[in-house]
Amino acid sequence: MYIHLGGEKIIRSSELVAIFDISIEKSSKISKQYVTHAEQEKTVEHIGEEEAKSIVVTKNIVYYSPISSATLKKRAHHFPDL
């Protein structure tokens, strides 16, 4: 199954690791370090031109999505393998 992250970006549900609200970047030192490392490794992708509302972590890429984490989590819970 697939999950639409916004814009034209769709991922396989089996690739999904975690979905976070964008505010975690400011409130969690570990999360900020993880995203910084991903940016250095060039494994971060910003979806669309809109302001990011969530961070989606997959096995290989970290996405900044314009869709809220609550909406993405609802979409992800439609799949029994998550």
PDB file of N, CA and C in Angstrom:
ATOM      1  N   MET A   1       0.833  -1.180   0.000  1.00  0.00           N
ATOM      2  CA  MET A   1       0.000   0.000   0.000  1.00  0.00           C
ATOM      3  C   MET A   1       0.883   1.250   0.000  1.00  0.00           C
ATOM      4  N   TYR A   2       0.269   2.370  -0.287  1.00  0.00           N
ATOM      5  CA  TYR A   2       0.995   3.620  -0.424  1.00  0.00           C
ATOM      6  C   TYR A   2       0.377   4.721   0.445  1.00  0.00           C
ATOM      7  N   ILE A   3       1.207   5.712   0.789  1.00  0.00           N
ATOM      8  CA  ILE A   3       0.753   6.857   1.574  1.00  0.00           C
ATOM      9  C   ILE A   3       1.140   8.128   0.825  1.00  0.00           C
ATOM     10  N   HIS A   4       0.158   9.016   0.597  1.00  0.00           N
ATOM     11  CA  HIS A   4       0.404  10.288  -0.071  1.00  0.00           C
ATOM     12  C   HIS A   4       0.906  11.290   0.965  1.00  0.00           C
ATOM     13  N   LEU A   5       2.099  11.855   0.728  1.00  0.00           N
ATOM     14  CA  LEU A   5       2.709  12.788   1.680  1.00  0.00           C
ATOM     15  C   LEU A   5       2.483  14.250   1.333  1.00  0.00           C
ATOM     16  N   GLY A   6       1.878  14.508   0.181  1.00  0.00           N
ATOM     17  CA  GLY A   6       1.673  15.877  -0.265  1.00  0.00           C
ATOM     18  C   GLY A   6       2.317  16.067  -1.621  1.00  0.00           C
ATOM     19  N   GLY A   7       1.887  17.099  -2.324  1.00  0.00           N
ATOM     20  CA  GLY A   7       2.419  17.342  -3.662  1.00  0.00           C
ATOM     21  C   GLY A   7       2.240  16.112  -4.526  1.00  0.00           C
ATOM     22  N   GLU A   8       3.304  15.693  -5.149  1.00  0.00           N
ATOM     23  CA  GLU A   8       3.274  14.486  -5.976  1.00  0.00           C
ATOM     24  C   GLU A   8       4.037  13.336  -5.328  1.00  0.00           C
ATOM     25  N   LYS A   9       4.289  13.427  -4.030  1.00  0.00           N
ATOM     26  CA  LYS A   9       5.100  12.425  -3.345  1.00  0.00           C
ATOM     27  C   LYS A   9       4.235  11.352  -2.686  1.00  0.00           C
ATOM     28  N   ILE A  10       4.511  10.117  -3.060  1.00  0.00           N
ATOM     29  CA  ILE A  10       3.834   8.948  -2.496  1.00  0.00           C
ATOM     30  C   ILE A  10       4.917   7.960  -2.091  1.00  0.00           C
ATOM     31  N   ILE A  11       4.759   7.359  -0.908  1.00  0.00           N
ATOM     32  CA  ILE A  11       5.725   6.355  -0.460  1.00  0.00           C
ATOM     33  C   ILE A  11       5.010   5.031  -0.196  1.00  0.00           C
ATOM     34  N   ARG A  12       5.769   3.967  -0.217  1.00  0.00           N
ATOM     35  CA  ARG A  12       5.232   2.663   0.172  1.00  0.00           C
ATOM     36  C   ARG A  12       5.076   2.644   1.690  1.00  0.00           C
ATOM     37  N   SER A  13       3.989   2.105   2.164  1.00  0.00           N
ATOM     38  CA  SER A  13       3.752   2.056   3.613  1.00  0.00           C
ATOM     39  C   SER A  13       4.823   1.226   4.311  1.00  0.00           C
ATOM     40  N   SER A  14       5.390   0.261   3.624  1.00  0.00           N
ATOM     41  CA  SER A  14       6.429  -0.580   4.217  1.00  0.00           C
ATOM     42  C   SER A  14       7.728   0.186   4.463  1.00  0.00           C
ATOM     43  N   GLU A  15       7.908   1.350   3.814  1.00  0.00           N
ATOM     44  CA  GLU A  15       9.100   2.171   3.996  1.00  0.00           C
ATOM     45  C   GLU A  15       8.995   3.108   5.193  1.00  0.00           C
ATOM     46  N   LEU A  16       7.773   3.319   5.689  1.00  0.00           N
ATOM     47  CA  LEU A  16       7.528   4.278   6.767  1.00  0.00           C
ATOM     48  C   LEU A  16       8.138   3.816   8.085  1.00  0.00           C
ATOM     49  N   VAL A  17       8.861   4.736   8.733  1.00  0.00           N
ATOM     50  CA  VAL A  17       9.433   4.471  10.055  1.00  0.00           C
ATOM     51  C   VAL A  17       8.689   5.277  11.110  1.00  0.00           C
ATOM     52  N   ALA A  18       8.496   6.588  10.861  1.00  0.00           N
ATOM     53  CA  ALA A  18       7.844   7.443  11.858  1.00  0.00           C
ATOM     54  C   ALA A  18       7.281   8.703  11.214  1.00  0.00           C
ATOM     55  N   ILE A  19       6.275   9.276  11.884  1.00  0.00           N
ATOM     56  CA  ILE A  19       5.690  10.550  11.478  1.00  0.00           C
ATOM     57  C   ILE A  19       5.691  11.453  12.712  1.00  0.00           C
ATOM     58  N   PHE A  20       6.275  12.651  12.569  1.00  0.00           N
ATOM     59  CA  PHE A  20       6.370  13.595  13.679  1.00  0.00           C
ATOM     60  C   PHE A  20       5.786  14.942  13.281  1.00  0.00           C
ATOM     61  N   ASP A  21       5.247  15.659  14.269  1.00  0.00           N
ATOM     62  CA  ASP A  21       4.854  17.046  14.068  1.00  0.00           C
ATOM     63  C   ASP A  21       6.134  17.859  13.908  1.00  0.00           C
ATOM     64  N   ILE A  22       6.079  18.897  13.106  1.00  0.00           N
ATOM     65  CA  ILE A  22       7.262  19.725  12.826  1.00  0.00           C
ATOM     66  C   ILE A  22       7.835  20.351  14.098  1.00  0.00           C
ATOM     67  N   SER A  23       7.013  20.540  15.114  1.00  0.00           N
ATOM     68  CA  SER A  23       7.479  21.164  16.361  1.00  0.00           C
ATOM     69  C   SER A  23       8.524  20.323  17.084  1.00  0.00           C
ATOM     70  N   ILE A  24       8.637  19.051  16.750  1.00  0.00           N
ATOM     71  CA  ILE A  24       9.625  18.194  17.415  1.00  0.00           C
ATOM     72  C   ILE A  24      11.049  18.659  17.125  1.00  0.00           C
ATOM     73  N   GLU A  25      11.232  19.342  16.004  1.00  0.00           N
ATOM     74  CA  GLU A  25      12.552  19.868  15.660  1.00  0.00           C
ATOM     75  C   GLU A  25      13.060  20.840  16.707  1.00  0.00           C
ATOM     76  N   LYS A  26      12.142  21.631  17.243  1.00  0.00           N
ATOM     77  CA  LYS A  26      12.535  22.643  18.229  1.00  0.00           C
ATOM     78  C   LYS A  26      12.574  22.090  19.650  1.00  0.00           C
ATOM     79  N   SER A  27      11.790  21.062  19.919  1.00  0.00           N
ATOM     80  CA  SER A  27      11.662  20.577  21.293  1.00  0.00           C
ATOM     81  C   SER A  27      12.538  19.375  21.627  1.00  0.00           C
ATOM     82  N   SER A  28      13.105  18.722  20.626  1.00  0.00           N
ATOM     83  CA  SER A  28      13.898  17.525  20.883  1.00  0.00           C
ATOM     84  C   SER A  28      15.295  17.652  20.286  1.00  0.00           C
ATOM     85  N   LYS A  29      16.294  17.642  21.141  1.00  0.00           N
ATOM     86  CA  LYS A  29      17.675  17.762  20.693  1.00  0.00           C
ATOM     87  C   LYS A  29      18.077  16.566  19.823  1.00  0.00           C
ATOM     88  N   ILE A  30      17.641  15.389  20.182  1.00  0.00           N
ATOM     89  CA  ILE A  30      17.980  14.176  19.423  1.00  0.00           C
ATOM     90  C   ILE A  30      17.361  14.220  18.029  1.00  0.00           C
ATOM     91  N   SER A  31      16.113  14.656  17.958  1.00  0.00           N
ATOM     92  CA  SER A  31      15.445  14.758  16.648  1.00  0.00           C
ATOM     93  C   SER A  31      16.160  15.761  15.763  1.00  0.00           C
ATOM     94  N   LYS A  32      16.543  16.893  16.326  1.00  0.00           N
ATOM     95  CA  LYS A  32      17.266  17.909  15.557  1.00  0.00           C
ATOM     96  C   LYS A  32      18.595  17.359  15.056  1.00  0.00           C
ATOM     97  N   GLN A  33      19.293  16.603  15.893  1.00  0.00           N
ATOM     98  CA  GLN A  33      20.563  16.005  15.482  1.00  0.00           C
ATOM     99  C   GLN A  33      20.356  15.001  14.352  1.00  0.00           C
ATOM    100  N   TYR A  34      19.292  14.218  14.438  1.00  0.00           N
ATOM    101  CA  TYR A  34      18.994  13.234  13.404  1.00  0.00           C
ATOM    102  C   TYR A  34      18.735  13.931  12.062  1.00  0.00           C
ATOM    103  N   VAL A  35      17.909  14.967  12.075  1.00  0.00           N
ATOM    104  CA  VAL A  35      17.589  15.686  10.840  1.00  0.00           C
ATOM    105  C   VAL A  35      18.836  16.382  10.298  1.00  0.00           C
ATOM    106  N   THR A  36      19.642  16.965  11.151  1.00  0.00           N
ATOM    107  CA  THR A  36      20.884  17.611  10.716  1.00  0.00           C
ATOM    108  C   THR A  36      21.796  16.606  10.033  1.00  0.00           C
ATOM    109  N   HIS A  37      21.910  15.430  10.617  1.00  0.00           N
ATOM    110  CA  HIS A  37      22.733  14.373  10.017  1.00  0.00           C
ATOM    111  C   HIS A  37      22.159  13.956   8.661  1.00  0.00           C
ATOM    112  N   ALA A  38      20.856  13.822   8.576  1.00  0.00           N
ATOM    113  CA  ALA A  38      20.210  13.453   7.312  1.00  0.00           C
ATOM    114  C   ALA A  38      20.459  14.528   6.251  1.00  0.00           C
ATOM    115  N   GLU A  39      20.436  15.799   6.654  1.00  0.00           N
ATOM    116  CA  GLU A  39      20.716  16.883   5.709  1.00  0.00           C
ATOM    117  C   GLU A  39      22.155  16.798   5.203  1.00  0.00           C
ATOM    118  N   GLN A  40      23.085  16.472   6.081  1.00  0.00           N
ATOM    119  CA  GLN A  40      24.488  16.332   5.679  1.00  0.00           C
ATOM    120  C   GLN A  40      24.666  15.163   4.712  1.00  0.00           C
ATOM    121  N   GLU A  41      23.888  14.117   4.904  1.00  0.00           N
ATOM    122  CA  GLU A  41      23.947  12.940   4.035  1.00  0.00           C
ATOM    123  C   GLU A  41      23.117  13.134   2.763  1.00  0.00           C
ATOM    124  N   LYS A  42      22.464  14.295   2.662  1.00  0.00           N
ATOM    125  CA  LYS A  42      21.602  14.637   1.517  1.00  0.00           C
ATOM    126  C   LYS A  42      20.445  13.648   1.352  1.00  0.00           C
ATOM    127  N   THR A  43      19.851  13.255   2.483  1.00  0.00           N
ATOM    128  CA  THR A  43      18.699  12.359   2.458  1.00  0.00           C
ATOM    129  C   THR A  43      17.450  13.044   3.003  1.00  0.00           C
ATOM    130  N   VAL A  44      17.372  14.366   2.805  1.00  0.00           N
ATOM    131  CA  VAL A  44      16.207  15.143   3.220  1.00  0.00           C
ATOM    132  C   VAL A  44      15.535  15.695   1.967  1.00  0.00           C
ATOM    133  N   GLU A  45      14.206  15.594   1.926  1.00  0.00           N
ATOM    134  CA  GLU A  45      13.464  16.126   0.786  1.00  0.00           C
ATOM    135  C   GLU A  45      12.299  16.972   1.285  1.00  0.00           C
ATOM    136  N   HIS A  46      12.234  18.195   0.809  1.00  0.00           N
ATOM    137  CA  HIS A  46      11.126  19.096   1.129  1.00  0.00           C
ATOM    138  C   HIS A  46      10.072  18.934   0.047  1.00  0.00           C
ATOM    139  N   ILE A  47       8.843  18.648   0.449  1.00  0.00           N
ATOM    140  CA  ILE A  47       7.754  18.416  -0.500  1.00  0.00           C
ATOM    141  C   ILE A  47       7.011  19.719  -0.744  1.00  0.00           C
ATOM    142  N   GLY A  48       6.985  20.154  -1.984  1.00  0.00           N
ATOM    143  CA  GLY A  48       6.233  21.341  -2.362  1.00  0.00           C
ATOM    144  C   GLY A  48       6.823  22.633  -1.836  1.00  0.00           C
ATOM    145  N   GLU A  49       6.094  23.699  -2.075  1.00  0.00           N
ATOM    146  CA  GLU A  49       6.513  25.051  -1.694  1.00  0.00           C
ATOM    147  C   GLU A  49       5.913  25.497  -0.361  1.00  0.00           C
ATOM    148  N   GLU A  50       4.895  24.771   0.102  1.00  0.00           N
ATOM    149  CA  GLU A  50       4.207  25.162   1.335  1.00  0.00           C
ATOM    150  C   GLU A  50       5.082  24.909   2.563  1.00  0.00           C
ATOM    151  N   GLU A  51       4.732  25.578   3.642  1.00  0.00           N
ATOM    152  CA  GLU A  51       5.441  25.390   4.895  1.00  0.00           C
ATOM    153  C   GLU A  51       5.229  23.955   5.401  1.00  0.00           C
ATOM    154  N   ALA A  52       6.285  23.332   5.886  1.00  0.00           N
ATOM    155  CA  ALA A  52       6.194  21.967   6.393  1.00  0.00           C
ATOM    156  C   ALA A  52       5.419  21.934   7.705  1.00  0.00           C
ATOM    157  N   LYS A  53       4.564  20.932   7.833  1.00  0.00           N
ATOM    158  CA  LYS A  53       3.797  20.722   9.059  1.00  0.00           C
ATOM    159  C   LYS A  53       4.204  19.436   9.762  1.00  0.00           C
ATOM    160  N   SER A  54       4.908  18.561   9.044  1.00  0.00           N
ATOM    161  CA  SER A  54       5.314  17.296   9.647  1.00  0.00           C
ATOM    162  C   SER A  54       6.626  16.813   9.049  1.00  0.00           C
ATOM    163  N   ILE A  55       7.257  15.908   9.782  1.00  0.00           N
ATOM    164  CA  ILE A  55       8.477  15.246   9.330  1.00  0.00           C
ATOM    165  C   ILE A  55       8.149  13.764   9.223  1.00  0.00           C
ATOM    166  N   VAL A  56       8.412  13.202   8.058  1.00  0.00           N
ATOM    167  CA  VAL A  56       8.140  11.784   7.815  1.00  0.00           C
ATOM    168  C   VAL A  56       9.484  11.093   7.624  1.00  0.00           C
ATOM    169  N   VAL A  57       9.767  10.127   8.480  1.00  0.00           N
ATOM    170  CA  VAL A  57      11.018   9.376   8.405  1.00  0.00           C
ATOM    171  C   VAL A  57      10.735   8.042   7.736  1.00  0.00           C
ATOM    172  N   THR A  58      11.484   7.760   6.668  1.00  0.00           N
ATOM    173  CA  THR A  58      11.394   6.459   6.009  1.00  0.00           C
ATOM    174  C   THR A  58      12.745   5.762   6.174  1.00  0.00           C
ATOM    175  N   LYS A  59      12.851   4.585   5.626  1.00  0.00           N
ATOM    176  CA  LYS A  59      14.088   3.818   5.758  1.00  0.00           C
ATOM    177  C   LYS A  59      15.284   4.521   5.134  1.00  0.00           C
ATOM    178  N   ASN A  60      15.052   5.345   4.095  1.00  0.00           N
ATOM    179  CA  ASN A  60      16.164   5.967   3.385  1.00  0.00           C
ATOM    180  C   ASN A  60      16.135   7.490   3.321  1.00  0.00           C
ATOM    181  N   ILE A  61      14.971   8.097   3.500  1.00  0.00           N
ATOM    182  CA  ILE A  61      14.825   9.541   3.309  1.00  0.00           C
ATOM    183  C   ILE A  61      13.976  10.147   4.425  1.00  0.00           C
ATOM    184  N   VAL A  62      14.287  11.405   4.765  1.00  0.00           N
ATOM    185  CA  VAL A  62      13.472  12.186   5.690  1.00  0.00           C
ATOM    186  C   VAL A  62      12.736  13.230   4.847  1.00  0.00           C
ATOM    187  N   TYR A  63      11.408  13.241   4.931  1.00  0.00           N
ATOM    188  CA  TYR A  63      10.587  14.170   4.158  1.00  0.00           C
ATOM    189  C   TYR A  63      10.007  15.235   5.066  1.00  0.00           C
ATOM    190  N   TYR A  64       9.979  16.484   4.581  1.00  0.00           N
ATOM    191  CA  TYR A  64       9.240  17.560   5.215  1.00  0.00           C
ATOM    192  C   TYR A  64       7.950  17.684   4.425  1.00  0.00           C
ATOM    193  N   SER A  65       6.818  17.387   5.068  1.00  0.00           N
ATOM    194  CA  SER A  65       5.536  17.359   4.382  1.00  0.00           C
ATOM    195  C   SER A  65       4.656  18.540   4.773  1.00  0.00           C
ATOM    196  N   PRO A  66       3.904  19.080   3.800  1.00  0.00           N
ATOM    197  CA  PRO A  66       2.970  20.162   4.106  1.00  0.00           C
ATOM    198  C   PRO A  66       1.665  19.661   4.726  1.00  0.00           C
ATOM    199  N   ILE A  67       1.525  18.360   4.879  1.00  0.00           N
ATOM    200  CA  ILE A  67       0.319  17.767   5.472  1.00  0.00           C
ATOM    201  C   ILE A  67       0.574  17.524   6.957  1.00  0.00           C
ATOM    202  N   SER A  68      -0.422  17.774   7.781  1.00  0.00           N
ATOM    203  CA  SER A  68      -0.251  17.638   9.234  1.00  0.00           C
ATOM    204  C   SER A  68       0.068  16.201   9.623  1.00  0.00           C
ATOM    205  N   SER A  69       0.778  16.058  10.719  1.00  0.00           N
ATOM    206  CA  SER A  69       1.139  14.726  11.208  1.00  0.00           C
ATOM    207  C   SER A  69      -0.112  13.925  11.562  1.00  0.00           C
ATOM    208  N   ALA A  70      -1.144  14.582  12.085  1.00  0.00           N
ATOM    209  CA  ALA A  70      -2.386  13.879  12.437  1.00  0.00           C
ATOM    210  C   ALA A  70      -3.035  13.262  11.200  1.00  0.00           C
ATOM    211  N   THR A  71      -3.085  14.009  10.110  1.00  0.00           N
ATOM    212  CA  THR A  71      -3.668  13.495   8.874  1.00  0.00           C
ATOM    213  C   THR A  71      -2.837  12.342   8.318  1.00  0.00           C
ATOM    214  N   LEU A  72      -1.527  12.501   8.329  1.00  0.00           N
ATOM    215  CA  LEU A  72      -0.665  11.430   7.822  1.00  0.00           C
ATOM    216  C   LEU A  72      -0.778  10.167   8.672  1.00  0.00           C
ATOM    217  N   LYS A  73      -0.890  10.337   9.991  1.00  0.00           N
ATOM    218  CA  LYS A  73      -1.040   9.166  10.870  1.00  0.00           C
ATOM    219  C   LYS A  73      -2.357   8.451  10.604  1.00  0.00           C
ATOM    220  N   LYS A  74      -3.414   9.213  10.347  1.00  0.00           N
ATOM    221  CA  LYS A  74      -4.700   8.588  10.001  1.00  0.00           C
ATOM    222  C   LYS A  74      -4.572   7.784   8.723  1.00  0.00           C
ATOM    223  N   ARG A  75      -3.899   8.339   7.742  1.00  0.00           N
ATOM    224  CA  ARG A  75      -3.686   7.626   6.474  1.00  0.00           C
ATOM    225  C   ARG A  75      -2.867   6.354   6.708  1.00  0.00           C
ATOM    226  N   ALA A  76      -1.851   6.445   7.542  1.00  0.00           N
ATOM    227  CA  ALA A  76      -0.985   5.294   7.794  1.00  0.00           C
ATOM    228  C   ALA A  76      -1.706   4.197   8.560  1.00  0.00           C
ATOM    229  N   HIS A  77      -2.643   4.550   9.444  1.00  0.00           N
ATOM    230  CA  HIS A  77      -3.334   3.545  10.241  1.00  0.00           C
ATOM    231  C   HIS A  77      -4.358   2.761   9.441  1.00  0.00           C
ATOM    232  N   HIS A  78      -4.580   3.130   8.206  1.00  0.00           N
ATOM    233  CA  HIS A  78      -5.478   2.375   7.338  1.00  0.00           C
ATOM    234  C   HIS A  78      -4.828   1.069   6.872  1.00  0.00           C
ATOM    235  N   PHE A  79      -3.530   0.938   7.149  1.00  0.00           N
ATOM    236  CA  PHE A  79      -2.788  -0.227   6.670  1.00  0.00           C
ATOM    237  C   PHE A  79      -2.432  -1.129   7.850  1.00  0.00           C
ATOM    238  N   PRO A  80      -2.826  -2.382   7.822  1.00  0.00           N
ATOM    239  CA  PRO A  80      -2.601  -3.279   8.947  1.00  0.00           C
ATOM    240  C   PRO A  80      -1.145  -3.655   9.176  1.00  0.00           C
ATOM    241  N   ASP A  81      -0.256  -3.451   8.197  1.00  0.00           N
ATOM    242  CA  ASP A  81       1.123  -3.873   8.354  1.00  0.00           C
ATOM    243  C   ASP A  81       1.990  -2.838   9.049  1.00  0.00           C
ATOM    244  N   LEU A  82       1.425  -1.735   9.520  1.00  0.00           N
ATOM    245  CA  LEU A  82       2.211  -0.711  10.207  1.00  0.00           C
ATOM    246  C   LEU A  82       2.070  -0.824  11.696  1.00  0.00           C
TER     247      LEU A  82
END
